[in-house]
Amino acid sequence: MTLDLTALADEHMAAARTAPHGRSAHLVLHDGVLRQTVIALTSGTSLDEHNAPPAASLQVLRGRVDLTAAGWTEALSAGTLRMIPKERHGLTALEDSVVLLTAVND
């Protein structure tokens, strides 16, 4: 399977801009325990704090986001790849942004 991440980012950013909560997400790859999801967030939109999967990474395709966890915040910009912390965490778009979440669930 080959995916065009640029086209997916365009599609989901357009959907996020018209969505009532300012976000759009789509599971683009699912193979056993591996999942990859494109998530588009309009500026100021957040994903509330949630539990972390056993292993995950976040790649910022467009924009800038804040990754937050207990007592800390890290700003990530387009082109950045970061492991997701093992603790509860959240995500806030500092500008219109699209990320690729890769997670391994047991």
N, C-alpha and C. Protein backbone atom coordinates (compact mmCIF):
# COMPACT_ATOMS: atom_id res chain seq x y z
N MET A 1 0.84 -1.18 0.00
CA MET A 1 0.00 0.00 0.00
C MET A 1 0.88 1.24 0.00
N THR A 2 0.60 2.15 -0.89
CA THR A 2 1.31 3.42 -0.97
C THR A 2 0.32 4.54 -0.68
N LEU A 3 0.74 5.45 0.19
CA LEU A 3 -0.12 6.58 0.57
C LEU A 3 0.54 7.89 0.19
N ASP A 4 -0.24 8.85 -0.23
CA ASP A 4 0.23 10.20 -0.51
C ASP A 4 -0.06 11.06 0.71
N LEU A 5 0.94 11.25 1.57
CA LEU A 5 0.73 12.00 2.81
C LEU A 5 0.37 13.45 2.55
N THR A 6 0.88 14.02 1.48
CA THR A 6 0.54 15.41 1.15
C THR A 6 -0.95 15.53 0.84
N ALA A 7 -1.47 14.61 0.03
CA ALA A 7 -2.90 14.62 -0.31
C ALA A 7 -3.75 14.35 0.92
N LEU A 8 -3.32 13.41 1.77
CA LEU A 8 -4.07 13.13 3.00
C LEU A 8 -4.08 14.35 3.93
N ALA A 9 -2.95 15.03 4.03
CA ALA A 9 -2.87 16.23 4.86
C ALA A 9 -3.80 17.31 4.32
N ASP A 10 -3.81 17.51 3.01
CA ASP A 10 -4.71 18.49 2.39
C ASP A 10 -6.17 18.14 2.69
N GLU A 11 -6.53 16.88 2.46
CA GLU A 11 -7.91 16.43 2.65
C GLU A 11 -8.38 16.61 4.09
N HIS A 12 -7.55 16.22 5.03
CA HIS A 12 -7.99 16.28 6.43
C HIS A 12 -7.89 17.69 7.02
N MET A 13 -7.00 18.52 6.49
CA MET A 13 -6.99 19.91 6.94
C MET A 13 -8.26 20.61 6.46
N ALA A 14 -8.67 20.34 5.23
CA ALA A 14 -9.92 20.92 4.71
C ALA A 14 -11.10 20.45 5.54
N ALA A 15 -11.12 19.18 5.90
CA ALA A 15 -12.21 18.64 6.73
C ALA A 15 -12.20 19.24 8.12
N ALA A 16 -11.01 19.43 8.70
CA ALA A 16 -10.91 20.01 10.04
C ALA A 16 -11.43 21.44 10.06
N ARG A 17 -11.18 22.18 8.99
CA ARG A 17 -11.62 23.58 8.93
C ARG A 17 -13.13 23.72 8.91
N THR A 18 -13.83 22.70 8.48
CA THR A 18 -15.31 22.76 8.46
C THR A 18 -15.94 21.94 9.58
N ALA A 19 -15.13 21.20 10.34
CA ALA A 19 -15.65 20.36 11.42
C ALA A 19 -15.97 21.21 12.65
N PRO A 20 -17.04 20.88 13.36
CA PRO A 20 -17.44 21.67 14.53
C PRO A 20 -16.36 21.75 15.61
N HIS A 21 -15.53 20.72 15.75
CA HIS A 21 -14.50 20.72 16.80
C HIS A 21 -13.12 21.04 16.26
N GLY A 22 -13.03 21.39 14.96
CA GLY A 22 -11.77 21.83 14.38
C GLY A 22 -10.73 20.74 14.19
N ARG A 23 -11.18 19.51 14.01
CA ARG A 23 -10.22 18.43 13.80
C ARG A 23 -10.78 17.36 12.88
N SER A 24 -9.87 16.62 12.27
CA SER A 24 -10.23 15.50 11.41
C SER A 24 -9.13 14.45 11.56
N ALA A 25 -9.53 13.20 11.70
CA ALA A 25 -8.56 12.11 11.85
C ALA A 25 -9.00 10.93 11.02
N HIS A 26 -7.99 10.19 10.54
CA HIS A 26 -8.29 9.01 9.73
C HIS A 26 -7.19 7.97 9.92
N LEU A 27 -7.59 6.76 10.27
CA LEU A 27 -6.66 5.64 10.38
C LEU A 27 -6.25 5.25 8.97
N VAL A 28 -4.99 5.46 8.63
CA VAL A 28 -4.55 5.24 7.26
C VAL A 28 -3.84 3.90 7.07
N LEU A 29 -3.31 3.35 8.14
CA LEU A 29 -2.61 2.08 8.04
C LEU A 29 -2.86 1.27 9.30
N HIS A 30 -3.29 0.04 9.13
CA HIS A 30 -3.55 -0.83 10.28
C HIS A 30 -3.05 -2.21 9.91
N ASP A 31 -2.02 -2.67 10.62
CA ASP A 31 -1.44 -3.98 10.37
C ASP A 31 -1.14 -4.63 11.71
N GLY A 32 -2.01 -5.51 12.15
CA GLY A 32 -1.83 -6.13 13.47
C GLY A 32 -1.84 -5.09 14.56
N VAL A 33 -0.75 -4.98 15.29
CA VAL A 33 -0.67 -4.04 16.40
C VAL A 33 -0.24 -2.63 15.98
N LEU A 34 0.17 -2.49 14.71
CA LEU A 34 0.64 -1.20 14.20
C LEU A 34 -0.51 -0.39 13.62
N ARG A 35 -0.59 0.87 14.03
CA ARG A 35 -1.60 1.79 13.50
C ARG A 35 -0.96 3.13 13.21
N GLN A 36 -1.33 3.70 12.05
CA GLN A 36 -0.89 5.05 11.72
C GLN A 36 -2.12 5.88 11.39
N THR A 37 -2.18 7.05 11.99
CA THR A 37 -3.34 7.92 11.86
C THR A 37 -2.89 9.32 11.48
N VAL A 38 -3.54 9.88 10.47
CA VAL A 38 -3.34 11.29 10.12
C VAL A 38 -4.36 12.09 10.94
N ILE A 39 -3.88 13.12 11.62
CA ILE A 39 -4.74 13.97 12.45
C ILE A 39 -4.50 15.42 12.04
N ALA A 40 -5.56 16.10 11.65
CA ALA A 40 -5.48 17.53 11.32
C ALA A 40 -6.20 18.32 12.41
N LEU A 41 -5.57 19.40 12.85
CA LEU A 41 -6.12 20.26 13.91
C LEU A 41 -6.02 21.71 13.46
N THR A 42 -7.11 22.44 13.59
CA THR A 42 -7.05 23.87 13.31
C THR A 42 -6.39 24.59 14.48
N SER A 43 -5.88 25.77 14.24
CA SER A 43 -5.18 26.55 15.25
C SER A 43 -6.02 26.67 16.53
N GLY A 44 -5.40 26.35 17.66
CA GLY A 44 -6.08 26.45 18.95
C GLY A 44 -6.84 25.19 19.36
N THR A 45 -6.99 24.25 18.45
CA THR A 45 -7.69 23.01 18.76
C THR A 45 -6.79 22.07 19.55
N SER A 46 -7.38 21.35 20.51
CA SER A 46 -6.61 20.43 21.34
C SER A 46 -7.19 19.04 21.32
N LEU A 47 -6.32 18.09 21.53
CA LEU A 47 -6.73 16.73 21.89
C LEU A 47 -6.48 16.65 23.39
N ASP A 48 -7.54 16.48 24.15
CA ASP A 48 -7.41 16.46 25.60
C ASP A 48 -6.46 15.35 26.04
N GLU A 49 -5.97 15.50 27.25
CA GLU A 49 -5.06 14.52 27.82
C GLU A 49 -5.66 13.12 27.73
N HIS A 50 -4.85 12.18 27.32
CA HIS A 50 -5.30 10.79 27.15
C HIS A 50 -4.14 9.84 27.45
N ASN A 51 -4.46 8.56 27.67
CA ASN A 51 -3.44 7.56 27.98
C ASN A 51 -2.60 7.26 26.75
N ALA A 52 -1.36 6.91 27.00
CA ALA A 52 -0.43 6.58 25.92
C ALA A 52 -0.52 5.10 25.58
N PRO A 53 -0.36 4.76 24.29
CA PRO A 53 -0.25 3.34 23.93
C PRO A 53 1.11 2.82 24.39
N PRO A 54 1.35 1.53 24.29
CA PRO A 54 2.64 0.98 24.73
C PRO A 54 3.84 1.60 24.02
N ALA A 55 3.70 1.93 22.73
CA ALA A 55 4.77 2.60 21.99
C ALA A 55 4.13 3.47 20.92
N ALA A 56 4.67 4.69 20.76
CA ALA A 56 4.10 5.60 19.76
C ALA A 56 5.07 6.71 19.42
N SER A 57 4.88 7.26 18.21
CA SER A 57 5.65 8.44 17.81
C SER A 57 4.70 9.41 17.12
N LEU A 58 5.11 10.66 17.10
CA LEU A 58 4.33 11.72 16.47
C LEU A 58 5.25 12.44 15.49
N GLN A 59 4.83 12.52 14.23
CA GLN A 59 5.56 13.27 13.22
C GLN A 59 4.70 14.44 12.79
N VAL A 60 5.24 15.64 12.89
CA VAL A 60 4.51 16.83 12.48
C VAL A 60 4.74 17.03 10.99
N LEU A 61 3.66 16.90 10.22
CA LEU A 61 3.73 17.06 8.77
C LEU A 61 3.62 18.51 8.36
N ARG A 62 2.78 19.26 9.07
CA ARG A 62 2.54 20.69 8.80
C ARG A 62 2.27 21.41 10.11
N GLY A 63 2.66 22.66 10.17
CA GLY A 63 2.29 23.50 11.30
C GLY A 63 3.19 23.34 12.51
N ARG A 64 2.62 23.73 13.66
CA ARG A 64 3.32 23.66 14.96
C ARG A 64 2.31 23.20 16.01
N VAL A 65 2.75 22.32 16.89
CA VAL A 65 1.89 21.81 17.95
C VAL A 65 2.65 21.82 19.27
N ASP A 66 1.90 21.85 20.37
CA ASP A 66 2.47 21.64 21.70
C ASP A 66 2.08 20.25 22.15
N LEU A 67 3.07 19.43 22.50
CA LEU A 67 2.84 18.14 23.13
C LEU A 67 2.98 18.36 24.62
N THR A 68 1.96 17.99 25.39
CA THR A 68 1.97 18.27 26.82
C THR A 68 1.79 16.97 27.62
N ALA A 69 2.42 16.95 28.77
CA ALA A 69 2.26 15.86 29.73
C ALA A 69 2.41 16.48 31.11
N ALA A 70 2.30 15.68 32.14
CA ALA A 70 2.32 16.17 33.51
C ALA A 70 3.49 17.13 33.76
N GLY A 71 3.17 18.41 33.82
CA GLY A 71 4.16 19.41 34.20
C GLY A 71 5.11 19.88 33.10
N TRP A 72 4.93 19.48 31.86
CA TRP A 72 5.83 19.96 30.81
C TRP A 72 5.10 20.12 29.49
N THR A 73 5.69 20.96 28.64
CA THR A 73 5.18 21.20 27.29
C THR A 73 6.37 21.26 26.35
N GLU A 74 6.22 20.65 25.19
CA GLU A 74 7.28 20.71 24.18
C GLU A 74 6.65 21.14 22.86
N ALA A 75 7.18 22.21 22.29
CA ALA A 75 6.72 22.69 20.98
C ALA A 75 7.40 21.88 19.89
N LEU A 76 6.60 21.42 18.93
CA LEU A 76 7.11 20.64 17.81
C LEU A 76 6.67 21.32 16.52
N SER A 77 7.57 21.41 15.55
CA SER A 77 7.22 22.06 14.28
C SER A 77 7.34 21.06 13.13
N ALA A 78 6.87 21.48 11.96
CA ALA A 78 6.87 20.62 10.78
C ALA A 78 8.25 20.00 10.57
N GLY A 79 8.25 18.71 10.29
CA GLY A 79 9.49 17.98 10.08
C GLY A 79 10.00 17.27 11.31
N THR A 80 9.39 17.55 12.47
CA THR A 80 9.83 16.96 13.73
C THR A 80 9.20 15.58 13.93
N LEU A 81 10.00 14.66 14.43
CA LEU A 81 9.54 13.32 14.82
C LEU A 81 9.93 13.12 16.27
N ARG A 82 8.95 12.73 17.10
CA ARG A 82 9.21 12.56 18.52
C ARG A 82 8.48 11.35 19.06
N MET A 83 9.13 10.63 19.97
CA MET A 83 8.44 9.56 20.67
C MET A 83 7.39 10.17 21.58
N ILE A 84 6.26 9.50 21.71
CA ILE A 84 5.20 9.94 22.62
C ILE A 84 5.58 9.48 24.03
N PRO A 85 5.41 10.34 25.02
CA PRO A 85 5.75 9.93 26.38
C PRO A 85 4.83 8.81 26.86
N LYS A 86 5.31 8.03 27.80
CA LYS A 86 4.54 6.88 28.32
C LYS A 86 3.39 7.33 29.23
N GLU A 87 3.44 8.56 29.72
CA GLU A 87 2.38 9.03 30.61
C GLU A 87 1.25 9.69 29.82
N ARG A 88 0.19 10.03 30.53
CA ARG A 88 -0.93 10.74 29.89
C ARG A 88 -0.39 12.01 29.24
N HIS A 89 -0.97 12.35 28.09
CA HIS A 89 -0.46 13.50 27.34
C HIS A 89 -1.59 14.09 26.50
N GLY A 90 -1.34 15.29 26.00
CA GLY A 90 -2.30 15.98 25.15
C GLY A 90 -1.57 16.67 24.02
N LEU A 91 -2.33 17.24 23.09
CA LEU A 91 -1.76 17.90 21.92
C LEU A 91 -2.59 19.13 21.60
N THR A 92 -1.94 20.25 21.37
CA THR A 92 -2.62 21.49 21.00
C THR A 92 -1.96 22.08 19.75
N ALA A 93 -2.77 22.45 18.79
CA ALA A 93 -2.26 23.07 17.57
C ALA A 93 -2.02 24.56 17.82
N LEU A 94 -0.80 25.00 17.57
CA LEU A 94 -0.44 26.41 17.71
C LEU A 94 -0.80 27.18 16.44
N GLU A 95 -0.95 26.44 15.36
CA GLU A 95 -1.43 26.96 14.07
C GLU A 95 -2.06 25.75 13.38
N ASP A 96 -2.73 25.97 12.25
CA ASP A 96 -3.29 24.83 11.53
C ASP A 96 -2.19 23.79 11.33
N SER A 97 -2.45 22.55 11.75
CA SER A 97 -1.40 21.53 11.77
C SER A 97 -1.93 20.18 11.37
N VAL A 98 -1.02 19.35 10.83
CA VAL A 98 -1.34 17.96 10.51
C VAL A 98 -0.19 17.12 11.05
N VAL A 99 -0.55 16.04 11.75
CA VAL A 99 0.45 15.14 12.32
C VAL A 99 0.16 13.72 11.88
N LEU A 100 1.19 12.90 11.94
CA LEU A 100 1.06 11.46 11.70
C LEU A 100 1.40 10.76 12.99
N LEU A 101 0.41 10.10 13.57
CA LEU A 101 0.59 9.34 14.81
C LEU A 101 0.83 7.88 14.43
N THR A 102 1.94 7.34 14.89
CA THR A 102 2.23 5.92 14.72
C THR A 102 2.18 5.28 16.10
N ALA A 103 1.34 4.26 16.24
CA ALA A 103 1.17 3.62 17.55
C ALA A 103 1.21 2.10 17.42
N VAL A 104 1.76 1.49 18.44
CA VAL A 104 1.75 0.03 18.56
C VAL A 104 0.91 -0.28 19.78
N ASN A 105 -0.17 -0.99 19.57
CA ASN A 105 -1.06 -1.36 20.67
C ASN A 105 -0.98 -2.87 20.88
N ASP A 106 -1.07 -3.27 22.16
CA ASP A 106 -1.04 -4.72 22.38
C ASP A 106 -2.42 -5.30 22.44
